[in-house]
Amino acid sequence: MEADRKRPRRLRCDAEQNRDRIIEAARGVYEREGLSASMASIARAAGVGIATLFRRFPTRSELIAAVFEDAMERNRAAAVAAGERGSAWDGFREYVATVCGLQADNRGFAEVLTMNFAGARNLEKARQEAFAAFSDLIGRAKAEGRLREDFAPEDLLILLMANAGVLAAATDAAGEASRRLVGQMLRAFAVDAEEPLPEAPAPKRLLRGMVRGRRGGGC
């Protein structure tokens, strides 16, 4: 009788450990390979069978949501913090640089930021709160006379898609190329285009990164 009572508890503990192991493994795989990584490769990295993985996460979307909830929360927190800056324009610049930096730090999250996961409630709630905070920042930066009147919230999504492409293509020079892109876009968004630009990647370094990207060398 005592053994029967202990067994369900042990099974629950094992299931929770498997779930944590899968999430941790998927986090590393997605960071290196992006969201195109196979479920089988994640199962191998976690040291579990593919059937175990699908019991914990029946769909790729559920796994992706579990892996990136914390990163999306950091994105939300960054947007809120930027909105608390005394200068809305400084907050705007800070948030744009931060969210593009989050993309640069994680190849998988670079893709997640430009996708929608309607069934992932926590993920989408954090995304929507970040969007609301950023939208408020846009209005205030325009009122300061620093942000172009024709800037639309959707322009950030376009920038994130462009940044994701740069990160995927530039590989070795990804960080420098991304910062250069962000600098160029902040100039374009400003009423007075006086924002200093980050240094451009060295031509050979950028070319080498592009070649590696075409060969599937990763970021």
N, C-alpha and C. Protein backbone atom coordinates (compact mmCIF):
# COMPACT_ATOMS: atom_id res chain seq x y z
N MET A 1 0.83 -1.21 0.00
CA MET A 1 0.00 0.00 0.00
C MET A 1 0.87 1.27 0.00
N GLU A 2 1.91 1.26 0.89
CA GLU A 2 2.82 2.39 0.96
C GLU A 2 3.53 2.61 -0.37
N ALA A 3 3.95 1.51 -1.03
CA ALA A 3 4.62 1.61 -2.32
C ALA A 3 3.70 2.20 -3.37
N ASP A 4 2.41 1.83 -3.32
CA ASP A 4 1.45 2.36 -4.29
C ASP A 4 1.27 3.86 -4.11
N ARG A 5 1.33 4.34 -2.85
CA ARG A 5 1.17 5.78 -2.62
C ARG A 5 2.39 6.55 -3.12
N LYS A 6 3.56 5.97 -2.98
CA LYS A 6 4.80 6.65 -3.38
C LYS A 6 4.97 6.70 -4.88
N ARG A 7 4.45 5.68 -5.59
CA ARG A 7 4.71 5.58 -7.03
C ARG A 7 4.15 6.77 -7.81
N PRO A 8 2.86 7.19 -7.60
CA PRO A 8 2.36 8.35 -8.36
C PRO A 8 3.17 9.60 -8.11
N ARG A 9 3.62 9.79 -6.85
CA ARG A 9 4.41 10.97 -6.54
C ARG A 9 5.74 10.94 -7.30
N ARG A 10 6.36 9.76 -7.35
CA ARG A 10 7.63 9.61 -8.05
C ARG A 10 7.44 9.84 -9.54
N LEU A 11 6.32 9.35 -10.08
CA LEU A 11 6.05 9.55 -11.50
C LEU A 11 5.86 11.03 -11.83
N ARG A 12 5.15 11.73 -10.93
CA ARG A 12 4.97 13.17 -11.15
C ARG A 12 6.30 13.90 -11.11
N CYS A 13 7.17 13.50 -10.18
CA CYS A 13 8.48 14.11 -10.07
C CYS A 13 9.31 13.86 -11.33
N ASP A 14 9.27 12.62 -11.81
CA ASP A 14 10.00 12.28 -13.03
C ASP A 14 9.49 13.09 -14.22
N ALA A 15 8.15 13.23 -14.31
CA ALA A 15 7.56 13.97 -15.42
C ALA A 15 7.99 15.43 -15.39
N GLU A 16 8.04 16.02 -14.18
CA GLU A 16 8.45 17.41 -14.05
C GLU A 16 9.92 17.59 -14.42
N GLN A 17 10.74 16.63 -14.01
CA GLN A 17 12.16 16.70 -14.36
C GLN A 17 12.36 16.58 -15.86
N ASN A 18 11.59 15.69 -16.49
CA ASN A 18 11.67 15.55 -17.95
C ASN A 18 11.27 16.85 -18.64
N ARG A 19 10.22 17.48 -18.13
CA ARG A 19 9.75 18.74 -18.73
C ARG A 19 10.85 19.81 -18.63
N ASP A 20 11.44 19.94 -17.45
CA ASP A 20 12.49 20.94 -17.27
C ASP A 20 13.69 20.63 -18.16
N ARG A 21 14.03 19.36 -18.28
CA ARG A 21 15.17 18.94 -19.10
C ARG A 21 14.91 19.27 -20.57
N ILE A 22 13.70 19.04 -21.02
CA ILE A 22 13.34 19.32 -22.41
C ILE A 22 13.40 20.82 -22.69
N ILE A 23 12.86 21.63 -21.79
CA ILE A 23 12.87 23.09 -21.98
C ILE A 23 14.30 23.61 -22.03
N GLU A 24 15.15 23.13 -21.12
CA GLU A 24 16.53 23.60 -21.09
C GLU A 24 17.28 23.19 -22.36
N ALA A 25 17.06 21.95 -22.80
CA ALA A 25 17.70 21.50 -24.03
C ALA A 25 17.20 22.28 -25.23
N ALA A 26 15.89 22.50 -25.30
CA ALA A 26 15.31 23.24 -26.43
C ALA A 26 15.82 24.67 -26.45
N ARG A 27 16.01 25.26 -25.28
CA ARG A 27 16.53 26.63 -25.22
C ARG A 27 17.90 26.72 -25.90
N GLY A 28 18.76 25.77 -25.62
CA GLY A 28 20.09 25.77 -26.24
C GLY A 28 20.04 25.48 -27.73
N VAL A 29 19.20 24.52 -28.12
CA VAL A 29 19.10 24.16 -29.53
C VAL A 29 18.52 25.31 -30.35
N TYR A 30 17.45 25.93 -29.85
CA TYR A 30 16.84 27.04 -30.58
C TYR A 30 17.78 28.24 -30.65
N GLU A 31 18.55 28.46 -29.60
CA GLU A 31 19.49 29.58 -29.61
C GLU A 31 20.54 29.41 -30.70
N ARG A 32 20.98 28.17 -30.88
CA ARG A 32 22.03 27.90 -31.88
C ARG A 32 21.46 27.76 -33.29
N GLU A 33 20.33 27.07 -33.43
CA GLU A 33 19.84 26.68 -34.74
C GLU A 33 18.59 27.42 -35.20
N GLY A 34 17.93 28.13 -34.31
CA GLY A 34 16.68 28.76 -34.67
C GLY A 34 15.51 27.79 -34.56
N LEU A 35 14.33 28.27 -34.90
CA LEU A 35 13.12 27.48 -34.70
C LEU A 35 12.95 26.35 -35.70
N SER A 36 13.82 26.27 -36.69
CA SER A 36 13.74 25.18 -37.66
C SER A 36 14.30 23.88 -37.10
N ALA A 37 14.90 23.93 -35.92
CA ALA A 37 15.46 22.71 -35.31
C ALA A 37 14.35 21.67 -35.13
N SER A 38 14.68 20.42 -35.36
CA SER A 38 13.68 19.36 -35.29
C SER A 38 13.39 18.97 -33.84
N MET A 39 12.18 18.45 -33.63
CA MET A 39 11.81 17.95 -32.30
C MET A 39 12.71 16.77 -31.92
N ALA A 40 13.12 15.99 -32.92
CA ALA A 40 13.98 14.83 -32.64
C ALA A 40 15.33 15.29 -32.10
N SER A 41 15.88 16.37 -32.66
CA SER A 41 17.17 16.86 -32.19
C SER A 41 17.06 17.39 -30.77
N ILE A 42 15.93 17.98 -30.44
CA ILE A 42 15.71 18.47 -29.08
C ILE A 42 15.58 17.31 -28.10
N ALA A 43 14.87 16.26 -28.51
CA ALA A 43 14.74 15.07 -27.66
C ALA A 43 16.11 14.48 -27.38
N ARG A 44 16.96 14.41 -28.41
CA ARG A 44 18.31 13.86 -28.22
C ARG A 44 19.11 14.72 -27.25
N ALA A 45 19.02 16.03 -27.43
CA ALA A 45 19.76 16.94 -26.55
C ALA A 45 19.28 16.83 -25.10
N ALA A 46 18.00 16.55 -24.92
CA ALA A 46 17.44 16.43 -23.57
C ALA A 46 17.66 15.05 -22.97
N GLY A 47 18.05 14.10 -23.80
CA GLY A 47 18.26 12.74 -23.31
C GLY A 47 16.97 12.02 -23.02
N VAL A 48 15.91 12.34 -23.78
CA VAL A 48 14.62 11.66 -23.62
C VAL A 48 14.17 11.12 -24.97
N GLY A 49 13.23 10.21 -24.94
CA GLY A 49 12.67 9.70 -26.19
C GLY A 49 11.71 10.68 -26.81
N ILE A 50 11.51 10.56 -28.12
CA ILE A 50 10.61 11.48 -28.81
C ILE A 50 9.19 11.37 -28.28
N ALA A 51 8.78 10.16 -27.85
CA ALA A 51 7.43 9.99 -27.29
C ALA A 51 7.29 10.77 -25.99
N THR A 52 8.34 10.78 -25.18
CA THR A 52 8.31 11.54 -23.93
C THR A 52 8.18 13.02 -24.21
N LEU A 53 8.93 13.50 -25.21
CA LEU A 53 8.85 14.91 -25.56
C LEU A 53 7.43 15.29 -25.96
N PHE A 54 6.80 14.48 -26.80
CA PHE A 54 5.45 14.82 -27.27
C PHE A 54 4.40 14.65 -26.18
N ARG A 55 4.66 13.82 -25.17
CA ARG A 55 3.72 13.76 -24.05
C ARG A 55 3.75 15.07 -23.27
N ARG A 56 4.94 15.64 -23.11
CA ARG A 56 5.06 16.90 -22.37
C ARG A 56 4.61 18.09 -23.23
N PHE A 57 4.96 18.04 -24.52
CA PHE A 57 4.66 19.15 -25.43
C PHE A 57 4.09 18.58 -26.73
N PRO A 58 2.78 18.45 -26.81
CA PRO A 58 2.15 17.82 -27.99
C PRO A 58 2.41 18.55 -29.30
N THR A 59 2.70 19.87 -29.25
CA THR A 59 2.96 20.63 -30.48
C THR A 59 4.23 21.46 -30.34
N ARG A 60 4.83 21.80 -31.46
CA ARG A 60 6.01 22.66 -31.47
C ARG A 60 5.70 24.02 -30.84
N SER A 61 4.50 24.54 -31.12
CA SER A 61 4.13 25.85 -30.59
C SER A 61 4.13 25.87 -29.07
N GLU A 62 3.66 24.78 -28.46
CA GLU A 62 3.65 24.72 -26.99
C GLU A 62 5.06 24.70 -26.43
N LEU A 63 5.94 23.99 -27.10
CA LEU A 63 7.34 23.94 -26.65
C LEU A 63 8.00 25.31 -26.81
N ILE A 64 7.80 25.93 -27.95
CA ILE A 64 8.40 27.24 -28.21
C ILE A 64 7.91 28.26 -27.19
N ALA A 65 6.60 28.21 -26.88
CA ALA A 65 6.05 29.15 -25.90
C ALA A 65 6.68 28.95 -24.54
N ALA A 66 6.86 27.69 -24.13
CA ALA A 66 7.46 27.41 -22.82
C ALA A 66 8.91 27.87 -22.76
N VAL A 67 9.63 27.70 -23.86
CA VAL A 67 11.05 28.06 -23.90
C VAL A 67 11.24 29.58 -23.84
N PHE A 68 10.38 30.32 -24.51
CA PHE A 68 10.64 31.76 -24.69
C PHE A 68 9.77 32.68 -23.83
N GLU A 69 9.01 32.12 -22.91
CA GLU A 69 8.20 32.97 -22.04
C GLU A 69 9.07 33.94 -21.25
N ASP A 70 10.21 33.45 -20.73
CA ASP A 70 11.07 34.33 -19.93
C ASP A 70 11.69 35.44 -20.79
N ALA A 71 12.08 35.12 -22.02
CA ALA A 71 12.65 36.13 -22.92
C ALA A 71 11.59 37.18 -23.28
N MET A 72 10.35 36.74 -23.50
CA MET A 72 9.29 37.69 -23.81
C MET A 72 8.98 38.57 -22.61
N GLU A 73 9.13 38.01 -21.41
CA GLU A 73 8.94 38.82 -20.21
C GLU A 73 10.02 39.88 -20.10
N ARG A 74 11.27 39.53 -20.46
CA ARG A 74 12.34 40.53 -20.47
C ARG A 74 12.03 41.63 -21.49
N ASN A 75 11.46 41.26 -22.61
CA ASN A 75 11.07 42.23 -23.61
C ASN A 75 10.00 43.17 -23.04
N ARG A 76 9.01 42.61 -22.35
CA ARG A 76 7.95 43.42 -21.74
C ARG A 76 8.54 44.38 -20.71
N ALA A 77 9.41 43.84 -19.85
CA ALA A 77 10.01 44.67 -18.80
C ALA A 77 10.85 45.80 -19.40
N ALA A 78 11.53 45.53 -20.51
CA ALA A 78 12.34 46.55 -21.17
C ALA A 78 11.46 47.68 -21.71
N ALA A 79 10.32 47.33 -22.27
CA ALA A 79 9.40 48.34 -22.80
C ALA A 79 8.84 49.21 -21.68
N VAL A 80 8.48 48.58 -20.57
CA VAL A 80 7.95 49.33 -19.42
C VAL A 80 9.02 50.25 -18.85
N ALA A 81 10.24 49.73 -18.70
CA ALA A 81 11.34 50.54 -18.16
C ALA A 81 11.65 51.73 -19.07
N ALA A 82 11.62 51.49 -20.38
CA ALA A 82 11.89 52.57 -21.33
C ALA A 82 10.84 53.67 -21.21
N GLY A 83 9.60 53.27 -20.93
CA GLY A 83 8.53 54.25 -20.78
C GLY A 83 8.66 55.11 -19.54
N GLU A 84 9.49 54.67 -18.59
CA GLU A 84 9.68 55.42 -17.35
C GLU A 84 10.83 56.41 -17.43
N ARG A 85 11.52 56.44 -18.56
CA ARG A 85 12.61 57.41 -18.74
C ARG A 85 12.05 58.83 -18.79
N GLY A 86 12.82 59.80 -18.31
CA GLY A 86 12.35 61.17 -18.33
C GLY A 86 12.12 61.69 -19.74
N SER A 87 13.00 61.31 -20.65
CA SER A 87 12.86 61.67 -22.07
C SER A 87 12.25 60.50 -22.83
N ALA A 88 11.11 60.73 -23.45
CA ALA A 88 10.46 59.66 -24.22
C ALA A 88 11.34 59.22 -25.39
N TRP A 89 12.05 60.17 -26.00
CA TRP A 89 12.93 59.82 -27.13
C TRP A 89 14.07 58.92 -26.66
N ASP A 90 14.64 59.24 -25.50
CA ASP A 90 15.70 58.38 -24.96
C ASP A 90 15.14 56.99 -24.66
N GLY A 91 13.92 56.94 -24.11
CA GLY A 91 13.28 55.65 -23.85
C GLY A 91 13.01 54.88 -25.13
N PHE A 92 12.58 55.60 -26.15
CA PHE A 92 12.33 54.98 -27.46
C PHE A 92 13.60 54.35 -28.00
N ARG A 93 14.69 55.11 -28.01
CA ARG A 93 15.97 54.61 -28.51
C ARG A 93 16.45 53.42 -27.69
N GLU A 94 16.30 53.53 -26.37
CA GLU A 94 16.74 52.47 -25.47
C GLU A 94 15.99 51.16 -25.76
N TYR A 95 14.67 51.26 -25.93
CA TYR A 95 13.88 50.05 -26.14
C TYR A 95 14.19 49.42 -27.50
N VAL A 96 14.29 50.23 -28.54
CA VAL A 96 14.60 49.69 -29.87
C VAL A 96 15.94 48.95 -29.83
N ALA A 97 16.94 49.56 -29.20
CA ALA A 97 18.26 48.91 -29.11
C ALA A 97 18.18 47.64 -28.27
N THR A 98 17.40 47.67 -27.19
CA THR A 98 17.31 46.51 -26.31
C THR A 98 16.62 45.33 -26.99
N VAL A 99 15.50 45.59 -27.65
CA VAL A 99 14.76 44.49 -28.25
C VAL A 99 15.55 43.89 -29.42
N CYS A 100 16.26 44.72 -30.16
CA CYS A 100 17.11 44.19 -31.23
C CYS A 100 18.30 43.43 -30.65
N GLY A 101 18.78 43.87 -29.49
CA GLY A 101 19.84 43.15 -28.81
C GLY A 101 19.37 41.79 -28.31
N LEU A 102 18.12 41.70 -27.85
CA LEU A 102 17.56 40.41 -27.45
C LEU A 102 17.52 39.46 -28.64
N GLN A 103 17.19 39.99 -29.80
CA GLN A 103 17.23 39.17 -31.01
C GLN A 103 18.64 38.68 -31.29
N ALA A 104 19.61 39.57 -31.16
CA ALA A 104 21.00 39.21 -31.47
C ALA A 104 21.53 38.15 -30.51
N ASP A 105 21.04 38.15 -29.27
CA ASP A 105 21.52 37.21 -28.28
C ASP A 105 20.99 35.80 -28.48
N ASN A 106 19.87 35.69 -29.21
CA ASN A 106 19.23 34.38 -29.32
C ASN A 106 18.57 34.25 -30.69
N ARG A 107 19.10 33.38 -31.52
CA ARG A 107 18.58 33.22 -32.88
C ARG A 107 17.12 32.80 -32.88
N GLY A 108 16.74 31.94 -31.94
CA GLY A 108 15.35 31.51 -31.87
C GLY A 108 14.43 32.65 -31.51
N PHE A 109 14.84 33.48 -30.53
CA PHE A 109 13.98 34.59 -30.13
C PHE A 109 13.88 35.64 -31.21
N ALA A 110 14.90 35.75 -32.04
CA ALA A 110 14.82 36.66 -33.18
C ALA A 110 13.63 36.31 -34.06
N GLU A 111 13.34 35.01 -34.19
CA GLU A 111 12.21 34.57 -34.98
C GLU A 111 10.90 34.71 -34.22
N VAL A 112 10.92 34.38 -32.92
CA VAL A 112 9.71 34.44 -32.10
C VAL A 112 9.12 35.84 -32.09
N LEU A 113 9.98 36.86 -32.06
CA LEU A 113 9.49 38.24 -32.00
C LEU A 113 8.71 38.65 -33.24
N THR A 114 8.89 37.94 -34.33
CA THR A 114 8.17 38.29 -35.56
C THR A 114 7.09 37.27 -35.90
N MET A 115 6.72 36.44 -34.91
CA MET A 115 5.69 35.44 -35.12
C MET A 115 4.58 35.63 -34.10
N ASN A 116 3.45 34.94 -34.32
CA ASN A 116 2.32 35.00 -33.40
C ASN A 116 2.00 33.61 -32.91
N PHE A 117 1.80 33.49 -31.59
CA PHE A 117 1.44 32.21 -30.99
C PHE A 117 0.13 32.40 -30.24
N ALA A 118 -0.96 32.35 -30.99
CA ALA A 118 -2.27 32.70 -30.44
C ALA A 118 -2.65 31.83 -29.24
N GLY A 119 -2.22 30.57 -29.23
CA GLY A 119 -2.60 29.68 -28.14
C GLY A 119 -1.72 29.81 -26.91
N ALA A 120 -0.64 30.57 -26.99
CA ALA A 120 0.30 30.71 -25.88
C ALA A 120 -0.07 31.96 -25.09
N ARG A 121 -0.93 31.80 -24.11
CA ARG A 121 -1.53 32.94 -23.42
C ARG A 121 -0.49 33.83 -22.74
N ASN A 122 0.41 33.25 -21.98
CA ASN A 122 1.40 34.06 -21.25
C ASN A 122 2.34 34.78 -22.20
N LEU A 123 2.76 34.08 -23.24
CA LEU A 123 3.67 34.67 -24.22
C LEU A 123 3.02 35.86 -24.89
N GLU A 124 1.79 35.68 -25.35
CA GLU A 124 1.12 36.75 -26.07
C GLU A 124 0.71 37.89 -25.15
N LYS A 125 0.40 37.58 -23.90
CA LYS A 125 0.06 38.65 -22.94
C LYS A 125 1.27 39.56 -22.73
N ALA A 126 2.45 38.96 -22.54
CA ALA A 126 3.67 39.78 -22.38
C ALA A 126 3.96 40.58 -23.63
N ARG A 127 3.74 39.97 -24.80
CA ARG A 127 3.98 40.68 -26.07
C ARG A 127 3.03 41.89 -26.18
N GLN A 128 1.77 41.69 -25.87
CA GLN A 128 0.79 42.76 -25.98
C GLN A 128 1.07 43.90 -25.00
N GLU A 129 1.52 43.55 -23.80
CA GLU A 129 1.84 44.58 -22.83
C GLU A 129 3.07 45.38 -23.28
N ALA A 130 4.04 44.70 -23.88
CA ALA A 130 5.20 45.40 -24.43
C ALA A 130 4.78 46.34 -25.55
N PHE A 131 3.88 45.86 -26.41
CA PHE A 131 3.40 46.68 -27.53
C PHE A 131 2.65 47.91 -27.02
N ALA A 132 1.83 47.72 -25.97
CA ALA A 132 1.07 48.86 -25.42
C ALA A 132 2.02 49.90 -24.83
N ALA A 133 3.04 49.44 -24.10
CA ALA A 133 4.00 50.37 -23.50
C ALA A 133 4.78 51.11 -24.58
N PHE A 134 5.16 50.39 -25.63
CA PHE A 134 5.91 51.02 -26.72
C PHE A 134 5.03 52.00 -27.48
N SER A 135 3.78 51.66 -27.69
CA SER A 135 2.86 52.56 -28.39
C SER A 135 2.69 53.87 -27.63
N ASP A 136 2.60 53.79 -26.31
CA ASP A 136 2.52 55.00 -25.49
C ASP A 136 3.80 55.83 -25.64
N LEU A 137 4.93 55.14 -25.68
CA LEU A 137 6.22 55.82 -25.83
C LEU A 137 6.29 56.55 -27.17
N ILE A 138 5.75 55.93 -28.20
CA ILE A 138 5.74 56.56 -29.52
C ILE A 138 5.02 57.90 -29.47
N GLY A 139 3.82 57.91 -28.86
CA GLY A 139 3.05 59.15 -28.77
C GLY A 139 3.77 60.24 -28.02
N ARG A 140 4.43 59.87 -26.93
CA ARG A 140 5.15 60.85 -26.13
C ARG A 140 6.39 61.37 -26.85
N ALA A 141 7.10 60.48 -27.57
CA ALA A 141 8.29 60.91 -28.31
C ALA A 141 7.90 61.86 -29.44
N LYS A 142 6.75 61.64 -30.05
CA LYS A 142 6.27 62.56 -31.08
C LYS A 142 5.91 63.90 -30.46
N ALA A 143 5.29 63.86 -29.28
CA ALA A 143 4.91 65.10 -28.61
C ALA A 143 6.14 65.93 -28.23
N GLU A 144 7.26 65.25 -27.97
CA GLU A 144 8.51 65.95 -27.68
C GLU A 144 9.11 66.58 -28.94
N GLY A 145 8.61 66.18 -30.10
CA GLY A 145 9.15 66.69 -31.35
C GLY A 145 10.42 65.99 -31.79
N ARG A 146 10.68 64.79 -31.22
CA ARG A 146 11.91 64.07 -31.56
C ARG A 146 11.68 62.93 -32.54
N LEU A 147 10.48 62.35 -32.53
CA LEU A 147 10.17 61.21 -33.39
C LEU A 147 9.30 61.67 -34.55
N ARG A 148 9.60 61.16 -35.75
CA ARG A 148 8.83 61.53 -36.94
C ARG A 148 7.34 61.24 -36.73
N GLU A 149 6.50 62.13 -37.21
CA GLU A 149 5.06 61.98 -37.05
C GLU A 149 4.52 60.78 -37.83
N ASP A 150 5.23 60.39 -38.90
CA ASP A 150 4.71 59.29 -39.71
C ASP A 150 5.23 57.92 -39.23
N PHE A 151 5.94 57.89 -38.09
CA PHE A 151 6.35 56.59 -37.56
C PHE A 151 5.12 55.86 -37.03
N ALA A 152 4.99 54.59 -37.39
CA ALA A 152 3.87 53.76 -36.94
C ALA A 152 4.41 52.60 -36.11
N PRO A 153 3.63 52.10 -35.15
CA PRO A 153 4.09 50.96 -34.35
C PRO A 153 4.55 49.78 -35.19
N GLU A 154 3.90 49.60 -36.34
CA GLU A 154 4.26 48.49 -37.22
C GLU A 154 5.67 48.61 -37.78
N ASP A 155 6.21 49.84 -37.75
CA ASP A 155 7.58 50.02 -38.23
C ASP A 155 8.58 49.26 -37.36
N LEU A 156 8.25 49.07 -36.09
CA LEU A 156 9.14 48.29 -35.24
C LEU A 156 9.15 46.83 -35.69
N LEU A 157 8.00 46.29 -36.04
CA LEU A 157 7.94 44.91 -36.53
C LEU A 157 8.76 44.76 -37.80
N ILE A 158 8.68 45.75 -38.69
CA ILE A 158 9.47 45.71 -39.93
C ILE A 158 10.96 45.71 -39.58
N LEU A 159 11.35 46.55 -38.61
CA LEU A 159 12.75 46.59 -38.19
C LEU A 159 13.18 45.24 -37.61
N LEU A 160 12.32 44.61 -36.79
CA LEU A 160 12.65 43.32 -36.20
C LEU A 160 12.80 42.25 -37.27
N MET A 161 11.97 42.29 -38.29
CA MET A 161 12.10 41.33 -39.39
C MET A 161 13.41 41.56 -40.14
N ALA A 162 13.73 42.83 -40.38
CA ALA A 162 14.99 43.14 -41.06
C ALA A 162 16.19 42.72 -40.21
N ASN A 163 16.10 42.97 -38.92
CA ASN A 163 17.19 42.61 -38.02
C ASN A 163 17.38 41.10 -37.96
N ALA A 164 16.27 40.36 -37.94
CA ALA A 164 16.36 38.89 -37.95
C ALA A 164 17.08 38.40 -39.19
N GLY A 165 16.80 39.05 -40.33
CA GLY A 165 17.47 38.68 -41.57
C GLY A 165 18.95 38.98 -41.53
N VAL A 166 19.31 40.14 -41.00
CA VAL A 166 20.72 40.52 -40.87
C VAL A 166 21.45 39.53 -39.97
N LEU A 167 20.84 39.19 -38.85
CA LEU A 167 21.48 38.28 -37.90
C LEU A 167 21.71 36.91 -38.52
N ALA A 168 20.74 36.45 -39.31
CA ALA A 168 20.87 35.14 -39.94
C ALA A 168 21.95 35.14 -41.02
N ALA A 169 22.08 36.26 -41.72
CA ALA A 169 23.01 36.31 -42.86
C ALA A 169 24.44 36.66 -42.46
N ALA A 170 24.60 37.46 -41.42
CA ALA A 170 25.93 38.01 -41.12
C ALA A 170 26.79 37.11 -40.25
N THR A 171 26.21 36.13 -39.59
CA THR A 171 26.90 35.16 -38.71
C THR A 171 27.99 35.80 -37.87
N ASP A 172 29.28 35.65 -38.21
CA ASP A 172 30.38 36.15 -37.39
C ASP A 172 30.26 37.65 -37.09
N ALA A 173 29.75 38.40 -38.02
CA ALA A 173 29.64 39.85 -37.86
C ALA A 173 28.22 40.27 -37.46
N ALA A 174 27.44 39.32 -36.96
CA ALA A 174 26.01 39.59 -36.71
C ALA A 174 25.79 40.73 -35.73
N GLY A 175 26.51 40.73 -34.61
CA GLY A 175 26.30 41.78 -33.61
C GLY A 175 26.59 43.16 -34.15
N GLU A 176 27.72 43.29 -34.83
CA GLU A 176 28.10 44.60 -35.40
C GLU A 176 27.12 45.04 -36.48
N ALA A 177 26.75 44.09 -37.34
CA ALA A 177 25.82 44.43 -38.43
C ALA A 177 24.46 44.84 -37.87
N SER A 178 24.02 44.14 -36.83
CA SER A 178 22.74 44.48 -36.21
C SER A 178 22.78 45.87 -35.59
N ARG A 179 23.84 46.18 -34.86
CA ARG A 179 23.94 47.51 -34.23
C ARG A 179 23.98 48.61 -35.29
N ARG A 180 24.66 48.33 -36.40
CA ARG A 180 24.72 49.31 -37.49
C ARG A 180 23.33 49.54 -38.08
N LEU A 181 22.58 48.46 -38.28
CA LEU A 181 21.22 48.58 -38.80
C LEU A 181 20.35 49.41 -37.85
N VAL A 182 20.44 49.09 -36.56
CA VAL A 182 19.64 49.83 -35.58
C VAL A 182 20.01 51.31 -35.60
N GLY A 183 21.31 51.60 -35.67
CA GLY A 183 21.74 53.00 -35.74
C GLY A 183 21.18 53.72 -36.96
N GLN A 184 21.22 53.05 -38.10
CA GLN A 184 20.67 53.64 -39.34
C GLN A 184 19.18 53.90 -39.20
N MET A 185 18.45 52.94 -38.62
CA MET A 185 17.00 53.09 -38.51
C MET A 185 16.63 54.17 -37.49
N LEU A 186 17.37 54.29 -36.40
CA LEU A 186 17.08 55.35 -35.45
C LEU A 186 17.29 56.72 -36.09
N ARG A 187 18.29 56.82 -36.95
CA ARG A 187 18.48 58.06 -37.71
C ARG A 187 17.26 58.34 -38.58
N ALA A 188 16.77 57.29 -39.22
CA ALA A 188 15.62 57.46 -40.11
C ALA A 188 14.36 57.84 -39.34
N PHE A 189 14.24 57.36 -38.10
CA PHE A 189 13.05 57.63 -37.31
C PHE A 189 13.07 59.02 -36.67
N ALA A 190 14.26 59.61 -36.52
CA ALA A 190 14.40 60.87 -35.80
C ALA A 190 13.98 62.06 -36.65
N VAL A 191 13.41 63.08 -36.00
CA VAL A 191 13.09 64.32 -36.69
C VAL A 191 14.38 64.99 -37.17
N ASP A 192 15.37 65.06 -36.30
CA ASP A 192 16.69 65.58 -36.66
C ASP A 192 17.66 64.41 -36.68
N ALA A 193 18.11 64.05 -37.86
CA ALA A 193 18.93 62.83 -38.03
C ALA A 193 20.36 63.08 -37.59
N GLU A 194 20.56 63.22 -36.29
CA GLU A 194 21.90 63.47 -35.77
C GLU A 194 22.41 62.34 -34.89
N GLU A 195 21.69 61.23 -34.88
CA GLU A 195 22.13 60.10 -34.06
C GLU A 195 23.46 59.57 -34.58
N PRO A 196 24.47 59.39 -33.70
CA PRO A 196 25.74 58.82 -34.16
C PRO A 196 25.57 57.35 -34.53
N LEU A 197 26.24 56.95 -35.57
CA LEU A 197 26.13 55.56 -36.02
C LEU A 197 27.20 54.68 -35.38
N PRO A 198 26.82 53.47 -34.96
CA PRO A 198 27.85 52.50 -34.55
C PRO A 198 28.76 52.19 -35.72
N GLU A 199 29.97 51.76 -35.43
CA GLU A 199 30.93 51.45 -36.49
C GLU A 199 30.44 50.29 -37.34
N ALA A 200 30.64 50.37 -38.64
CA ALA A 200 30.23 49.30 -39.55
C ALA A 200 31.17 48.10 -39.40
N PRO A 201 30.68 46.89 -39.63
CA PRO A 201 31.56 45.72 -39.59
C PRO A 201 32.65 45.85 -40.65
N ALA A 202 33.82 45.29 -40.36
CA ALA A 202 34.88 45.26 -41.36
C ALA A 202 34.40 44.49 -42.58
N PRO A 203 34.69 44.98 -43.80
CA PRO A 203 34.17 44.33 -45.01
C PRO A 203 34.48 42.83 -45.09
N LYS A 204 35.72 42.45 -44.78
CA LYS A 204 36.09 41.03 -44.87
C LYS A 204 35.32 40.21 -43.85
N ARG A 205 35.14 40.76 -42.66
CA ARG A 205 34.41 40.05 -41.60
C ARG A 205 32.94 39.86 -42.00
N LEU A 206 32.35 40.90 -42.57
CA LEU A 206 30.96 40.81 -42.99
C LEU A 206 30.80 39.81 -44.12
N LEU A 207 31.72 39.85 -45.10
CA LEU A 207 31.65 38.92 -46.22
C LEU A 207 31.81 37.49 -45.75
N ARG A 208 32.76 37.27 -44.83
CA ARG A 208 32.98 35.92 -44.30
C ARG A 208 31.72 35.42 -43.58
N GLY A 209 31.06 36.32 -42.84
CA GLY A 209 29.84 35.94 -42.16
C GLY A 209 28.74 35.58 -43.13
N MET A 210 28.62 36.33 -44.21
CA MET A 210 27.59 36.04 -45.21
C MET A 210 27.84 34.70 -45.88
N VAL A 211 29.09 34.40 -46.15
CA VAL A 211 29.42 33.10 -46.78
C VAL A 211 29.06 31.97 -45.84
N ARG A 212 29.40 32.12 -44.55
CA ARG A 212 29.06 31.09 -43.58
C ARG A 212 27.56 30.93 -43.46
N GLY A 213 26.83 32.06 -43.54
CA GLY A 213 25.38 32.00 -43.44
C GLY A 213 24.77 31.21 -44.59
N ARG A 214 25.30 31.40 -45.79
CA ARG A 214 24.77 30.65 -46.94
C ARG A 214 25.07 29.16 -46.81
N ARG A 215 26.15 28.84 -46.11
CA ARG A 215 26.51 27.42 -45.93
C ARG A 215 25.85 26.80 -44.71
N GLY A 216 25.03 27.60 -44.01
CA GLY A 216 24.34 27.07 -42.84
C GLY A 216 25.22 27.03 -41.61
N GLY A 217 26.20 27.97 -41.53
CA GLY A 217 27.14 27.96 -40.41
C GLY A 217 26.57 28.48 -39.11
N GLY A 218 25.38 29.12 -39.14
CA GLY A 218 24.78 29.61 -37.91
C GLY A 218 25.33 30.96 -37.52
N CYS A 219 24.74 31.51 -36.40
CA CYS A 219 25.14 32.85 -35.94
C CYS A 219 26.40 32.76 -35.11
